[in-house]
Amino acid sequence: MRMTSSLAVCIAAILGVSALLAQSTSPSVATTSSTPSPVARVYVTSQASATAAPEISAYNADSEGRLTSIAGGPWPGIASATTGTYFFALDQTFRNAISYKVASNGALTKVANYDLADRAPSGCANYDTFSPPTLDHTGATLYATGGEFSSGTGDGTCTDNAVTQAYRINKDTGDLTYLGSVDSFYEVTFDGNNMYTFSGGCYCKSADQDTDIIGLQRESDGMLALATTTSDQPMGAPSGSSWAASETAADPTDHLAVALEPAQSPWHSLLAAYTIGSNGSLTTTNTSDQMPEIGDLIGPMQMSPSGLLLAVADNTEGLHVMHFNGANPITPYALLLSNTQVLSLAWDNANHLYATTTGGKLYVFTVTPTSWSQAPGSPYSISYAGDLVVRSLTSQ
């Protein structure tokens, strides 16, 4: 998700579990029966009230996208990531990670707390807030992006020091071992080859440099290092216009979708397709007149497991699904929700797209490259619904 010029505002935008999760109408979802052969497990962050601590509920999704609740919840925290065996959450202070063991039915049992904040450079205050941690594709390493906003040494080294931390996951116990950190403003989402992660904007401290696509390379031990950057300006754009990269999403191979937000009116945001080189370089043959236009405010963006569909939350229009065509221009397909603010998106391997929205709703759609429909029972009412984590139980 995109960080803005103020790091404090960016963290709040990413973590808006209590601020953005608004106006719920009903407190519960689905039934309490179990699904005999679920295709996916769906974990949803919610709040019992606007001032309550965030908690996680779990659901089974059947082949048609129907949800049934998993007994034992809710569990404390903000849903973040799962390896299938272990589940990771962020606590309500935004400073600690919580690890859970996942039972065979999807229920969670708490294992440990990990202090993410106490990793600042010597002489600096603890980090203040973190976004929900994410995983690499193999589930070997956990990454947490956060920042610290007040100088401790007086020399400027501690001010707005935003980093992504890396933690090795013990596959037998779920224990986390701290590996180190790299300067980074953005959550980590890897390309299909599990080698690079790309984000819009500048990894450094100058807000006015929010124009490039920033790449980080994953090393053999799981650590991240700064990789190649590239200009994000669309080819053939009108004279005097400029766009800043915001959301990115990768397909299973070597292509990257990038949302480009305009710096000036009256232009709209554009969607561009890039090819990822073996060294992390990004190239595109798209021109501005080929790139689909969407509204000016981009929310979450998620690629389907097949790489054929791209879900884009446009906060001024709704939820779009695009055909993603590798290096070729992205093409419009369907508008699933209109005039709706989407907070979180996730796909499973059974062609289901999940979306939480303001108003306390969880939508489930079945979407293929040739058809789409809303799943039976959708939307579900969940109080102050927010971050989603989906674990597929079937292959693509």
Protein backbone atom coordinates (compact mmCIF):
# COMPACT_ATOMS: atom_id res chain seq x y z
CA MET A 1 0.00 0.00 0.00
CA ARG A 2 1.30 3.44 -0.84
CA MET A 3 3.18 5.58 1.70
CA THR A 4 2.60 9.35 1.40
CA SER A 5 5.03 12.22 2.03
CA SER A 6 4.57 12.19 5.78
CA LEU A 7 5.74 8.91 7.26
CA ALA A 8 3.39 9.24 10.21
CA VAL A 9 0.43 9.73 7.87
CA CYS A 10 1.62 6.81 5.73
CA ILE A 11 1.74 4.40 8.66
CA ALA A 12 -1.73 5.52 9.72
CA ALA A 13 -3.00 4.95 6.18
CA ILE A 14 -1.58 1.43 6.09
CA LEU A 15 -2.73 0.54 9.56
CA GLY A 16 -6.11 2.26 9.60
CA VAL A 17 -7.72 -0.60 11.46
CA SER A 18 -9.45 1.69 13.92
CA ALA A 19 -9.54 4.90 11.90
CA LEU A 20 -10.62 3.56 8.49
CA LEU A 21 -12.80 0.62 9.48
CA ALA A 22 -16.01 2.54 9.66
CA GLN A 23 -19.78 2.42 10.09
CA SER A 24 -20.60 -1.26 10.62
CA THR A 25 -24.21 -2.35 10.71
CA SER A 26 -24.18 -5.97 11.97
CA PRO A 27 -21.88 -7.75 14.42
CA SER A 28 -21.49 -11.25 12.95
CA VAL A 29 -21.03 -13.33 9.83
CA ALA A 30 -22.28 -16.64 8.44
CA THR A 31 -23.05 -19.66 10.59
CA THR A 32 -21.05 -21.75 13.03
CA SER A 33 -21.19 -25.00 11.06
CA SER A 34 -18.06 -26.42 9.48
CA THR A 35 -17.41 -26.86 5.78
CA PRO A 36 -16.56 -30.52 4.91
CA SER A 37 -14.05 -29.67 2.16
CA PRO A 38 -13.08 -25.99 2.27
CA VAL A 39 -11.08 -24.53 -0.60
CA ALA A 40 -9.65 -21.74 1.52
CA ARG A 41 -9.38 -20.32 5.03
CA VAL A 42 -10.27 -16.65 5.40
CA TYR A 43 -9.02 -14.61 8.35
CA VAL A 44 -10.62 -11.20 8.89
CA THR A 45 -9.66 -8.41 11.27
CA SER A 46 -12.61 -6.77 12.99
CA GLN A 47 -13.56 -4.80 16.09
CA ALA A 48 -16.50 -5.34 18.41
CA SER A 49 -16.89 -1.55 18.56
CA ALA A 50 -15.12 1.55 17.26
CA THR A 51 -12.99 1.70 20.42
CA ALA A 52 -12.43 -2.03 20.93
CA ALA A 53 -9.13 -3.81 20.31
CA PRO A 54 -8.76 -5.48 16.89
CA GLU A 55 -9.39 -9.20 16.75
CA ILE A 56 -9.23 -11.96 14.16
CA SER A 57 -12.05 -14.29 13.12
CA ALA A 58 -11.59 -17.29 10.84
CA TYR A 59 -13.88 -18.78 8.19
CA ASN A 60 -13.92 -21.70 5.78
CA ALA A 61 -14.77 -20.92 2.17
CA ASP A 62 -16.42 -23.63 0.08
CA SER A 63 -16.10 -24.10 -3.68
CA GLU A 64 -18.88 -21.59 -4.33
CA GLY A 65 -17.44 -18.98 -1.98
CA ARG A 66 -19.83 -19.49 0.94
CA LEU A 67 -18.29 -18.75 4.33
CA THR A 68 -18.81 -20.65 7.58
CA SER A 69 -17.11 -19.65 10.82
CA ILE A 70 -14.34 -21.64 12.52
CA ALA A 71 -14.89 -22.21 16.24
CA GLY A 72 -12.52 -20.90 18.88
CA GLY A 73 -12.16 -17.29 17.80
CA PRO A 74 -11.86 -14.42 17.78
CA TRP A 75 -8.15 -14.05 18.56
CA PRO A 76 -6.30 -10.81 19.44
CA GLY A 77 -4.50 -8.87 16.74
CA ILE A 78 -4.55 -7.59 13.17
CA ALA A 79 -4.46 -10.40 10.60
CA SER A 80 -1.14 -10.23 8.75
CA ALA A 81 0.20 -13.44 7.15
CA THR A 82 0.20 -17.23 7.39
CA THR A 83 2.47 -20.07 6.29
CA GLY A 84 -0.37 -22.53 6.78
CA THR A 85 1.33 -23.95 9.87
CA TYR A 86 1.86 -20.62 11.63
CA PHE A 87 -0.14 -17.41 11.59
CA PHE A 88 1.24 -13.94 12.30
CA ALA A 89 -0.61 -10.86 13.51
CA LEU A 90 0.19 -7.31 14.61
CA ASP A 91 -1.02 -6.28 18.05
CA GLN A 92 -3.13 -3.20 18.76
CA THR A 93 -0.07 -1.09 19.70
CA PHE A 94 1.35 -1.61 16.17
CA ARG A 95 4.69 -2.42 17.86
CA ASN A 96 4.56 -6.19 18.44
CA ALA A 97 4.08 -9.26 16.27
CA ILE A 98 2.04 -12.18 17.61
CA SER A 99 2.69 -15.72 16.38
CA TYR A 100 -0.01 -18.41 16.42
CA LYS A 101 0.04 -22.14 15.65
CA VAL A 102 -2.65 -23.10 13.15
CA ALA A 103 -4.71 -26.17 14.04
CA SER A 104 -5.90 -28.64 11.43
CA ASN A 105 -9.30 -26.93 11.37
CA GLY A 106 -7.79 -23.44 10.98
CA ALA A 107 -8.19 -22.32 14.59
CA LEU A 108 -5.32 -20.39 16.20
CA THR A 109 -3.31 -21.01 19.38
CA LYS A 110 -0.98 -18.26 20.56
CA VAL A 111 2.73 -19.10 20.61
CA ALA A 112 4.67 -15.89 21.38
CA ASN A 113 4.96 -12.09 21.19
CA TYR A 114 7.86 -10.37 19.38
CA ASP A 115 8.88 -6.77 20.03
CA LEU A 116 9.38 -5.15 16.62
CA ALA A 117 9.89 -1.69 18.08
CA ASP A 118 13.07 -2.44 20.02
CA ARG A 119 15.29 -2.64 16.91
CA ALA A 120 16.18 1.02 16.34
CA PRO A 121 19.81 2.10 15.79
CA SER A 122 21.91 2.72 18.90
CA GLY A 123 21.02 6.05 20.48
CA CYS A 124 17.61 6.30 18.80
CA ALA A 125 14.21 5.93 20.37
CA ASN A 126 12.25 2.73 19.73
CA TYR A 127 10.33 2.48 16.50
CA ASP A 128 6.78 3.74 16.89
CA THR A 129 4.48 1.81 14.54
CA PHE A 130 4.56 -1.04 12.04
CA SER A 131 2.36 -2.23 9.22
CA PRO A 132 1.05 -5.82 9.32
CA PRO A 133 4.01 -8.16 8.59
CA THR A 134 4.21 -10.05 5.29
CA LEU A 135 5.95 -13.20 4.01
CA ASP A 136 8.08 -14.22 1.07
CA HIS A 137 6.46 -16.82 -1.20
CA THR A 138 8.16 -19.77 0.51
CA GLY A 139 7.09 -18.72 4.01
CA ALA A 140 10.72 -18.78 5.19
CA THR A 141 11.01 -15.11 6.15
CA LEU A 142 8.69 -12.58 7.79
CA TYR A 143 9.03 -8.88 6.93
CA ALA A 144 7.78 -5.95 9.02
CA THR A 145 7.84 -2.35 7.78
CA GLY A 146 7.74 0.49 10.31
CA GLY A 147 9.25 3.76 11.41
CA GLU A 148 10.46 6.01 14.20
CA PHE A 149 9.58 9.68 14.21
CA SER A 150 11.65 11.49 16.83
CA SER A 151 15.40 12.11 16.96
CA GLY A 152 17.34 10.48 19.76
CA THR A 153 20.85 11.67 18.93
CA GLY A 154 20.19 15.15 17.57
CA ASP A 155 22.13 14.46 14.36
CA GLY A 156 19.09 13.59 12.26
CA THR A 157 19.88 9.89 11.95
CA CYS A 158 16.79 8.91 13.92
CA THR A 159 14.17 11.17 12.33
CA ASP A 160 11.65 9.46 10.06
CA ASN A 161 13.83 6.37 9.95
CA ALA A 162 11.61 3.93 8.07
CA VAL A 163 12.80 0.36 7.70
CA THR A 164 11.75 -3.13 6.69
CA GLN A 165 12.91 -5.75 9.17
CA ALA A 166 13.54 -9.38 8.21
CA TYR A 167 12.94 -12.36 10.54
CA ARG A 168 13.78 -16.00 9.81
CA ILE A 169 10.91 -18.36 10.71
CA ASN A 170 11.79 -21.65 12.38
CA LYS A 171 9.65 -24.14 10.45
CA ASP A 172 9.44 -26.52 13.42
CA THR A 173 8.58 -24.06 16.19
CA GLY A 174 7.50 -20.85 14.48
CA ASP A 175 10.13 -18.88 16.41
CA LEU A 176 11.42 -15.69 14.80
CA THR A 177 15.12 -14.81 14.50
CA TYR A 178 15.94 -11.19 13.65
CA LEU A 179 18.17 -10.90 10.55
CA GLY A 180 18.45 -7.14 10.08
CA SER A 181 16.73 -4.25 8.30
CA VAL A 182 16.90 -2.05 5.22
CA ASP A 183 15.60 1.49 4.61
CA SER A 184 12.14 1.14 3.12
CA PHE A 185 8.83 3.02 3.32
CA TYR A 186 6.71 0.24 1.91
CA GLU A 187 5.20 -3.14 2.67
CA VAL A 188 6.96 -6.07 1.02
CA THR A 189 5.21 -8.07 -1.75
CA PHE A 190 7.44 -10.30 -3.86
CA ASP A 191 7.53 -10.97 -7.58
CA GLY A 192 6.71 -14.42 -8.92
CA ASN A 193 10.34 -15.53 -8.70
CA ASN A 194 10.58 -14.56 -5.01
CA MET A 195 13.66 -12.44 -5.72
CA TYR A 196 12.47 -8.84 -5.84
CA THR A 197 9.87 -6.63 -4.21
CA PHE A 198 8.77 -3.36 -5.81
CA SER A 199 6.99 -0.31 -4.39
CA GLY A 200 6.08 3.12 -5.63
CA GLY A 201 7.88 6.13 -4.23
CA CYS A 202 11.19 6.83 -2.57
CA TYR A 203 12.76 4.52 0.01
CA CYS A 204 14.65 7.49 1.47
CA LYS A 205 13.52 10.34 3.71
CA SER A 206 12.76 13.07 1.14
CA ALA A 207 9.03 13.19 0.48
CA ASP A 208 9.49 15.16 -2.76
CA GLN A 209 11.28 12.17 -4.33
CA ASP A 210 8.08 10.13 -4.38
CA THR A 211 8.30 9.44 -8.13
CA ASP A 212 10.20 6.21 -8.74
CA ILE A 213 9.52 2.52 -8.49
CA ILE A 214 11.79 1.23 -5.74
CA GLY A 215 13.13 -2.31 -5.88
CA LEU A 216 14.52 -4.45 -3.07
CA GLN A 217 16.32 -7.75 -3.70
CA ARG A 218 15.90 -10.78 -1.46
CA GLU A 219 19.23 -12.39 -0.62
CA SER A 220 19.76 -16.10 0.06
CA ASP A 221 19.40 -15.68 3.83
CA GLY A 222 16.16 -13.68 3.50
CA MET A 223 17.67 -10.23 4.00
CA LEU A 224 16.73 -7.37 1.66
CA ALA A 225 19.06 -5.00 -0.17
CA LEU A 226 18.36 -1.99 -2.41
CA ALA A 227 18.05 -3.03 -6.07
CA THR A 228 17.54 -1.23 -9.38
CA THR A 229 15.11 1.69 -9.58
CA THR A 230 13.35 2.93 -12.69
CA SER A 231 11.37 5.94 -13.84
CA ASP A 232 7.62 5.44 -13.72
CA GLN A 233 6.58 8.18 -16.16
CA PRO A 234 4.27 6.86 -18.91
CA MET A 235 5.67 7.05 -22.42
CA GLY A 236 3.79 9.49 -24.60
CA ALA A 237 2.27 11.36 -21.65
CA PRO A 238 1.01 14.91 -22.32
CA SER A 239 3.64 17.62 -21.96
CA GLY A 240 3.87 18.91 -18.39
CA SER A 241 2.17 15.89 -16.89
CA SER A 242 3.71 13.52 -14.36
CA TRP A 243 2.63 10.43 -12.46
CA ALA A 244 3.93 8.83 -9.27
CA ALA A 245 3.95 5.06 -8.82
CA SER A 246 1.81 3.88 -5.89
CA GLU A 247 0.46 0.32 -5.72
CA THR A 248 2.24 -2.62 -7.36
CA ALA A 249 1.28 -6.28 -7.90
CA ALA A 250 3.29 -9.06 -9.57
CA ASP A 251 2.13 -12.02 -11.66
CA PRO A 252 3.57 -15.53 -11.08
CA THR A 253 6.39 -15.03 -13.59
CA ASP A 254 8.23 -11.81 -14.45
CA HIS A 255 5.64 -9.06 -14.88
CA LEU A 256 4.56 -6.21 -12.63
CA ALA A 257 1.38 -4.14 -12.59
CA VAL A 258 1.91 -0.56 -11.40
CA ALA A 259 -0.71 2.05 -10.51
CA LEU A 260 0.45 5.53 -11.53
CA GLU A 261 -1.22 8.44 -9.75
CA PRO A 262 -1.26 11.89 -11.39
CA ALA A 263 0.58 14.80 -9.83
CA GLN A 264 -1.70 17.30 -11.57
CA SER A 265 -5.33 17.59 -12.64
CA PRO A 266 -7.24 16.83 -14.81
CA TRP A 267 -5.56 13.48 -15.54
CA HIS A 268 -6.64 10.23 -13.96
CA SER A 269 -4.56 7.37 -12.57
CA LEU A 270 -3.13 4.90 -15.07
CA LEU A 271 -2.30 1.17 -14.90
CA ALA A 272 0.97 0.08 -16.51
CA ALA A 273 2.54 -3.33 -17.11
CA TYR A 274 6.31 -3.80 -16.69
CA THR A 275 8.66 -6.70 -17.35
CA ILE A 276 11.05 -7.62 -14.53
CA GLY A 277 14.57 -8.41 -15.71
CA SER A 278 16.79 -11.04 -14.12
CA ASN A 279 18.74 -8.24 -12.41
CA GLY A 280 15.59 -6.54 -11.10
CA SER A 281 15.42 -3.90 -13.84
CA LEU A 282 11.97 -2.81 -15.01
CA THR A 283 11.02 -2.08 -18.62
CA THR A 284 7.72 -1.36 -20.33
CA THR A 285 6.50 -1.02 -23.89
CA ASN A 286 3.15 0.47 -22.78
CA THR A 287 2.32 4.00 -23.84
CA SER A 288 0.02 6.35 -21.96
CA ASP A 289 -2.78 6.03 -24.53
CA GLN A 290 -2.78 2.23 -24.05
CA MET A 291 -2.94 2.31 -20.26
CA PRO A 292 -6.45 2.05 -18.74
CA GLU A 293 -7.58 5.05 -16.72
CA ILE A 294 -9.17 4.72 -13.31
CA GLY A 295 -10.02 7.22 -10.54
CA ASP A 296 -7.47 9.40 -8.81
CA LEU A 297 -7.36 7.64 -5.43
CA ILE A 298 -5.95 4.10 -5.51
CA GLY A 299 -6.62 1.65 -2.70
CA PRO A 300 -5.30 -1.93 -2.44
CA MET A 301 -4.36 -3.83 -5.63
CA GLN A 302 -4.00 -7.64 -5.85
CA MET A 303 -3.01 -10.02 -8.66
CA SER A 304 -4.90 -13.30 -9.01
CA PRO A 305 -2.84 -16.49 -8.49
CA SER A 306 -3.06 -17.23 -12.22
CA GLY A 307 -1.71 -13.81 -13.12
CA LEU A 308 -4.58 -13.32 -15.57
CA LEU A 309 -6.67 -10.92 -13.46
CA LEU A 310 -5.84 -7.79 -11.51
CA ALA A 311 -8.15 -6.44 -8.77
CA VAL A 312 -7.83 -2.69 -8.21
CA ALA A 313 -9.64 -0.70 -5.52
CA ASP A 314 -10.38 2.78 -6.83
CA ASN A 315 -11.71 4.82 -3.93
CA THR A 316 -13.52 7.27 -6.21
CA GLU A 317 -15.32 4.62 -8.28
CA GLY A 318 -15.17 1.20 -6.62
CA LEU A 319 -13.62 -2.23 -7.20
CA HIS A 320 -12.31 -2.98 -10.69
CA VAL A 321 -11.09 -6.24 -12.16
CA MET A 322 -8.74 -5.95 -15.13
CA HIS A 323 -7.38 -8.49 -17.58
CA PHE A 324 -3.63 -8.67 -16.98
CA ASN A 325 -1.77 -9.56 -20.15
CA GLY A 326 1.85 -9.95 -19.11
CA ALA A 327 3.98 -7.28 -20.78
CA ASN A 328 1.08 -6.16 -22.98
CA PRO A 329 -1.24 -3.34 -21.90
CA ILE A 330 -3.73 -4.08 -19.12
CA THR A 331 -7.35 -4.10 -20.32
CA PRO A 332 -10.59 -3.27 -18.42
CA TYR A 333 -12.93 -6.15 -17.58
CA ALA A 334 -15.51 -5.60 -14.80
CA LEU A 335 -16.59 -3.11 -12.13
CA LEU A 336 -17.61 -5.31 -9.19
CA LEU A 337 -18.45 -2.55 -6.70
CA SER A 338 -19.26 1.08 -7.40
CA ASN A 339 -18.94 4.11 -5.11
CA THR A 340 -17.45 1.88 -2.41
CA GLN A 341 -14.24 2.25 -0.42
CA VAL A 342 -12.36 -1.04 -0.29
CA LEU A 343 -10.04 -1.62 2.67
CA SER A 344 -8.45 -5.00 1.90
CA LEU A 345 -8.34 -7.50 -0.99
CA ALA A 346 -7.29 -11.15 -1.32
CA TRP A 347 -7.65 -14.03 -3.80
CA ASP A 348 -7.72 -17.79 -3.30
CA ASN A 349 -6.83 -20.52 -5.81
CA ALA A 350 -10.50 -21.31 -6.52
CA ASN A 351 -11.19 -18.03 -8.40
CA HIS A 352 -12.62 -16.25 -5.35
CA LEU A 353 -11.90 -12.58 -4.71
CA TYR A 354 -12.50 -11.29 -1.16
CA ALA A 355 -12.95 -7.62 -0.28
CA THR A 356 -13.67 -5.78 2.95
CA THR A 357 -15.27 -2.35 2.73
CA THR A 358 -16.30 0.55 4.89
CA GLY A 359 -19.70 -0.14 6.34
CA GLY A 360 -18.52 -3.44 7.85
CA LYS A 361 -18.98 -5.64 4.80
CA LEU A 362 -17.05 -8.67 3.52
CA TYR A 363 -17.75 -9.39 -0.15
CA VAL A 364 -16.92 -12.63 -1.94
CA PHE A 365 -16.90 -12.87 -5.74
CA THR A 366 -16.19 -15.73 -8.11
CA VAL A 367 -14.15 -14.26 -10.96
CA THR A 368 -12.63 -15.94 -14.01
CA PRO A 369 -11.29 -14.32 -17.21
CA THR A 370 -14.66 -14.92 -18.89
CA SER A 371 -17.28 -14.52 -16.14
CA TRP A 372 -17.91 -13.15 -12.67
CA SER A 373 -20.63 -13.34 -10.03
CA GLN A 374 -21.19 -12.55 -6.38
CA ALA A 375 -20.92 -15.65 -4.18
CA PRO A 376 -23.98 -16.98 -2.31
CA GLY A 377 -24.39 -15.22 1.04
CA SER A 378 -22.20 -12.26 0.05
CA PRO A 379 -21.86 -9.64 1.40
CA TYR A 380 -21.37 -10.68 5.03
CA SER A 381 -21.72 -8.17 7.86
CA ILE A 382 -18.68 -7.99 10.15
CA SER A 383 -18.24 -5.21 12.69
CA TYR A 384 -15.54 -2.80 11.50
CA ALA A 385 -14.10 -5.31 9.03
CA GLY A 386 -10.50 -4.67 7.96
CA ASP A 387 -7.35 -6.58 6.97
CA LEU A 388 -7.77 -9.92 5.20
CA VAL A 389 -5.49 -12.97 5.08
CA VAL A 390 -6.52 -15.89 2.82
CA ARG A 391 -4.85 -19.31 2.79
CA SER A 392 -5.76 -21.53 -0.19
CA LEU A 393 -6.23 -25.22 0.50
CA THR A 394 -6.26 -26.20 -3.17
CA SER A 395 -3.71 -25.86 -5.97
CA GLN A 396 -4.23 -23.41 -8.81
